[in-house]
């Protein structure tokens, strides 16, 4: 017989510290504080009295996790009383909507960082200098979010090198402002199994030989290939 572990898995273990608490009462309180109301059926009405409807863009046939996330969010929001629809889109229309700003909500991934200096990514996605009107292709900041404090910090980091001590400290200040403004709702970190077959090749990245992160689907795969060693099989 197998004995169950004495460790109790909690939400913090699974999701980490964040805004994962399901609190519809608090959500209702916040909405009502800015003029939203509910009809007799429990459906939310916007401050002007019209029904609150929303479409969530979801990737179709790629980035499966993000697609599933859109449906999961839609289910919860519909239960809460918002009339939500999911629009599954192929890559061309999905990313065109993103660039043009012609979307209400979506399972997009406008932020990612796996290094101490994440200025390049954050600057491209959140610097207000890239903001253009909806309907025009955005050179960056497709969300069209503008926060003077966030932009000022990014501009301070711009002339610094990655190994400058100020880079990390200023990025910490940027992330504090990011958390305060919360222009994006991060749902999960990208966790994937990365299996390898060592029959023909060895020396893949591993916990004991971590010369590179094992992200085969990104361009840094090219930095791994010189390290692969043929087995002769």
Protein backbone atom coordinates (compact mmCIF):
# COMPACT_ATOMS: atom_id res chain seq x y z
CA UNK A 1 0.00 0.00 0.00
CA UNK A 2 1.21 3.51 -0.81
CA UNK A 3 1.12 6.01 2.02
CA UNK A 4 0.00 9.53 1.07
CA UNK A 5 2.44 12.36 1.58
CA UNK A 6 1.98 14.42 4.70
CA UNK A 7 2.61 17.60 2.68
CA UNK A 8 -0.63 19.41 1.87
CA UNK A 9 -0.55 21.11 -1.54
CA UNK A 10 -1.93 24.63 -1.32
CA UNK A 11 -2.85 27.24 -3.91
CA UNK A 12 0.37 29.06 -3.12
CA UNK A 13 2.34 25.91 -3.94
CA UNK A 14 0.60 25.62 -7.30
CA UNK A 15 0.30 29.23 -8.42
CA UNK A 16 2.76 31.15 -6.28
CA UNK A 17 2.00 34.43 -4.55
CA UNK A 18 -0.37 36.53 -6.62
CA UNK A 19 -3.92 37.54 -7.42
CA UNK A 20 -5.29 34.02 -7.71
CA UNK A 21 -7.86 34.38 -4.93
CA UNK A 22 -11.37 33.87 -6.30
CA UNK A 23 -13.31 36.67 -4.63
CA UNK A 24 -16.49 37.54 -6.61
CA UNK A 25 -17.84 39.63 -3.70
CA UNK A 26 -14.83 41.94 -3.79
CA UNK A 27 -15.03 42.08 -7.59
CA UNK A 28 -18.70 43.10 -7.35
CA UNK A 29 -17.83 45.76 -4.76
CA UNK A 30 -15.18 47.26 -7.04
CA UNK A 31 -17.48 47.27 -10.08
CA UNK A 32 -20.37 48.84 -8.18
CA UNK A 33 -18.04 51.54 -6.84
CA UNK A 34 -17.55 52.81 -10.42
CA UNK A 35 -21.18 52.60 -11.53
CA UNK A 36 -21.73 49.03 -12.74
CA UNK A 37 -25.06 47.42 -11.74
CA UNK A 38 -26.79 44.05 -12.07
CA UNK A 39 -30.14 43.32 -13.71
CA UNK A 40 -32.78 41.02 -12.25
CA UNK A 41 -31.07 38.00 -13.83
CA UNK A 42 -27.74 38.80 -12.19
CA UNK A 43 -26.17 39.99 -15.44
CA UNK A 44 -23.81 42.94 -15.20
CA UNK A 45 -24.75 46.25 -16.81
CA UNK A 46 -22.25 48.94 -17.68
CA UNK A 47 -22.59 52.39 -16.07
CA UNK A 48 -24.64 53.57 -19.08
CA UNK A 49 -27.14 50.75 -18.46
CA UNK A 50 -26.19 48.61 -21.46
CA UNK A 51 -25.33 44.90 -21.05
CA UNK A 52 -21.65 44.23 -20.38
CA UNK A 53 -20.45 41.94 -23.17
CA UNK A 54 -16.89 40.97 -24.00
CA UNK A 55 -14.96 38.87 -26.51
CA UNK A 56 -11.71 37.16 -25.54
CA UNK A 57 -9.33 36.41 -28.42
CA UNK A 58 -7.74 32.98 -28.17
CA UNK A 59 -5.03 31.33 -30.27
CA UNK A 60 -6.33 28.44 -32.36
CA UNK A 61 -4.08 25.49 -33.20
CA UNK A 62 -1.04 27.00 -31.48
CA UNK A 63 -0.04 27.89 -27.91
CA UNK A 64 -2.56 25.41 -26.52
CA UNK A 65 -2.16 26.58 -22.93
CA UNK A 66 -3.13 30.13 -23.84
CA UNK A 67 -6.15 28.90 -25.78
CA UNK A 68 -7.37 26.87 -22.83
CA UNK A 69 -6.83 29.83 -20.54
CA UNK A 70 -9.21 31.98 -22.59
CA UNK A 71 -12.02 29.44 -22.20
CA UNK A 72 -11.33 28.99 -18.50
CA UNK A 73 -11.52 32.75 -17.91
CA UNK A 74 -14.68 33.01 -20.02
CA UNK A 75 -16.34 30.29 -17.95
CA UNK A 76 -15.59 32.08 -14.68
CA UNK A 77 -16.61 35.50 -15.98
CA UNK A 78 -19.86 34.12 -17.41
CA UNK A 79 -20.65 32.53 -14.05
CA UNK A 80 -20.02 35.92 -12.49
CA UNK A 81 -22.59 37.54 -14.79
CA UNK A 82 -20.55 39.00 -17.65
CA UNK A 83 -21.65 37.95 -21.14
CA UNK A 84 -18.34 36.63 -22.51
CA UNK A 85 -17.56 34.98 -25.84
CA UNK A 86 -14.29 33.37 -26.97
CA UNK A 87 -13.05 34.00 -30.51
CA UNK A 88 -10.50 31.33 -31.50
CA UNK A 89 -8.27 32.78 -34.22
CA UNK A 90 -5.53 31.53 -36.49
CA UNK A 91 -2.12 33.15 -36.12
CA UNK A 92 -2.58 35.79 -38.84
CA UNK A 93 -5.79 37.34 -37.50
CA UNK A 94 -4.83 36.75 -33.87
CA UNK A 95 -1.60 38.74 -34.12
CA UNK A 96 -3.09 41.32 -36.48
CA UNK A 97 -5.69 42.18 -33.82
CA UNK A 98 -2.86 42.41 -31.28
CA UNK A 99 -0.77 44.79 -33.37
CA UNK A 100 -3.73 46.94 -34.42
CA UNK A 101 -5.22 47.05 -30.92
CA UNK A 102 -8.54 45.76 -32.28
CA UNK A 103 -9.38 43.49 -29.37
CA UNK A 104 -11.21 43.76 -26.06
CA UNK A 105 -9.34 41.02 -24.21
CA UNK A 106 -7.16 38.14 -25.20
CA UNK A 107 -4.93 35.29 -24.12
CA UNK A 108 -1.78 37.12 -25.19
CA UNK A 109 1.65 37.00 -23.63
CA UNK A 110 2.98 40.56 -23.55
CA UNK A 111 5.70 39.93 -21.04
CA UNK A 112 8.43 37.41 -20.45
CA UNK A 113 11.78 37.57 -18.75
CA UNK A 114 14.33 34.94 -17.80
CA UNK A 115 17.38 37.13 -17.18
CA UNK A 116 18.40 39.82 -14.67
CA UNK A 117 18.21 42.48 -17.40
CA UNK A 118 14.73 42.30 -18.93
CA UNK A 119 14.73 45.89 -20.20
CA UNK A 120 14.52 44.91 -23.88
CA UNK A 121 11.32 42.98 -23.38
CA UNK A 122 9.68 45.35 -20.93
CA UNK A 123 10.60 48.45 -22.92
CA UNK A 124 9.12 47.02 -26.12
CA UNK A 125 5.87 46.12 -24.42
CA UNK A 126 5.28 48.99 -21.98
CA UNK A 127 7.11 52.16 -23.06
CA UNK A 128 4.46 54.79 -23.82
CA UNK A 129 6.55 56.23 -26.66
CA UNK A 130 5.33 53.34 -28.81
CA UNK A 131 1.62 54.11 -28.30
CA UNK A 132 -0.29 54.76 -31.54
CA UNK A 133 -4.05 55.04 -32.19
CA UNK A 134 -6.11 51.86 -32.41
CA UNK A 135 -6.22 50.71 -36.01
CA UNK A 136 -2.60 51.60 -36.74
CA UNK A 137 0.18 48.98 -36.49
CA UNK A 138 1.97 49.40 -33.17
CA UNK A 139 5.80 49.31 -33.22
CA UNK A 140 5.60 48.10 -29.62
CA UNK A 141 3.24 48.40 -26.63
CA UNK A 142 0.34 46.81 -28.52
CA UNK A 143 -1.75 47.11 -25.34
CA UNK A 144 -1.42 50.89 -25.75
CA UNK A 145 -0.90 51.34 -22.03
CA UNK A 146 0.63 54.61 -20.92
CA UNK A 147 2.13 55.17 -17.49
CA UNK A 148 4.62 58.06 -17.11
CA UNK A 149 6.39 56.46 -14.14
CA UNK A 150 6.95 53.14 -15.89
CA UNK A 151 8.19 54.87 -19.03
CA UNK A 152 10.54 57.14 -17.04
CA UNK A 153 12.16 54.14 -15.34
CA UNK A 154 12.58 52.30 -18.65
CA UNK A 155 14.20 55.39 -20.16
CA UNK A 156 16.61 55.53 -17.21
CA UNK A 157 17.67 51.93 -17.83
CA UNK A 158 18.05 52.38 -21.61
CA UNK A 159 21.65 53.74 -21.63
CA UNK A 160 22.90 51.29 -18.99
CA UNK A 161 24.72 48.04 -19.69
CA UNK A 162 23.28 44.73 -18.53
CA UNK A 163 25.95 44.35 -15.86
CA UNK A 164 25.45 47.84 -14.43
CA UNK A 165 24.21 47.44 -10.81
CA UNK A 166 21.59 50.12 -11.43
CA UNK A 167 19.93 48.00 -14.11
CA UNK A 168 18.53 45.42 -11.73
CA UNK A 169 17.67 47.98 -9.05
CA UNK A 170 15.77 50.18 -11.51
CA UNK A 171 14.01 47.14 -12.97
CA UNK A 172 12.83 46.30 -9.44
CA UNK A 173 11.30 49.78 -9.23
CA UNK A 174 9.69 49.24 -12.62
CA UNK A 175 8.14 45.95 -11.47
CA UNK A 176 6.77 47.61 -8.32
CA UNK A 177 5.01 50.18 -10.51
CA UNK A 178 3.88 47.39 -12.84
CA UNK A 179 2.26 45.53 -9.95
CA UNK A 180 0.55 48.71 -8.77
CA UNK A 181 -0.89 49.54 -12.19
CA UNK A 182 -1.42 45.90 -13.27
CA UNK A 183 -1.96 46.56 -16.99
CA UNK A 184 -1.70 42.82 -17.68
CA UNK A 185 -3.10 39.89 -15.70
CA UNK A 186 -0.39 37.22 -15.58
CA UNK A 187 -2.04 33.85 -15.04
CA UNK A 188 0.85 31.40 -14.91
CA UNK A 189 4.50 30.90 -15.63
CA UNK A 190 5.38 28.85 -18.67
CA UNK A 191 6.08 25.39 -17.32
CA UNK A 192 6.59 22.64 -19.88
CA UNK A 193 8.14 19.22 -20.03
CA UNK A 194 11.22 19.25 -22.25
CA UNK A 195 12.03 15.59 -23.03
CA UNK A 196 15.10 14.59 -25.01
CA UNK A 197 16.16 11.42 -26.81
CA UNK A 198 19.86 10.70 -26.31
CA UNK A 199 20.11 7.78 -28.73
CA UNK A 200 21.78 9.84 -31.50
CA UNK A 201 22.90 12.94 -29.60
CA UNK A 202 23.95 13.73 -26.02
CA UNK A 203 25.00 16.74 -23.94
CA UNK A 204 21.62 18.41 -23.89
CA UNK A 205 21.09 21.06 -21.19
CA UNK A 206 20.28 19.43 -17.86
CA UNK A 207 20.19 20.40 -14.18
CA UNK A 208 23.77 19.10 -13.90
CA UNK A 209 24.92 20.77 -17.13
CA UNK A 210 22.90 23.94 -17.33
CA UNK A 211 24.80 25.78 -20.06
CA UNK A 212 21.50 26.95 -21.56
CA UNK A 213 17.81 26.82 -20.75
CA UNK A 214 16.05 23.89 -22.46
CA UNK A 215 13.66 25.95 -24.58
CA UNK A 216 13.76 24.14 -27.91
CA UNK A 217 10.91 26.17 -29.43
CA UNK A 218 12.73 29.50 -29.20
CA UNK A 219 15.59 30.89 -31.27
CA UNK A 220 18.18 30.17 -28.59
CA UNK A 221 18.07 26.52 -29.70
CA UNK A 222 20.85 27.55 -32.11
CA UNK A 223 23.09 28.24 -29.12
CA UNK A 224 22.68 24.64 -27.94
CA UNK A 225 23.47 22.87 -31.19
CA UNK A 226 27.28 23.41 -31.05
CA UNK A 227 27.27 21.59 -27.72
CA UNK A 228 25.44 18.46 -28.88
CA UNK A 229 27.67 15.40 -29.18
CA UNK A 230 27.01 12.50 -31.55
CA UNK A 231 26.80 9.04 -29.98
CA UNK A 232 27.88 7.24 -33.15
CA UNK A 233 24.68 5.22 -33.26
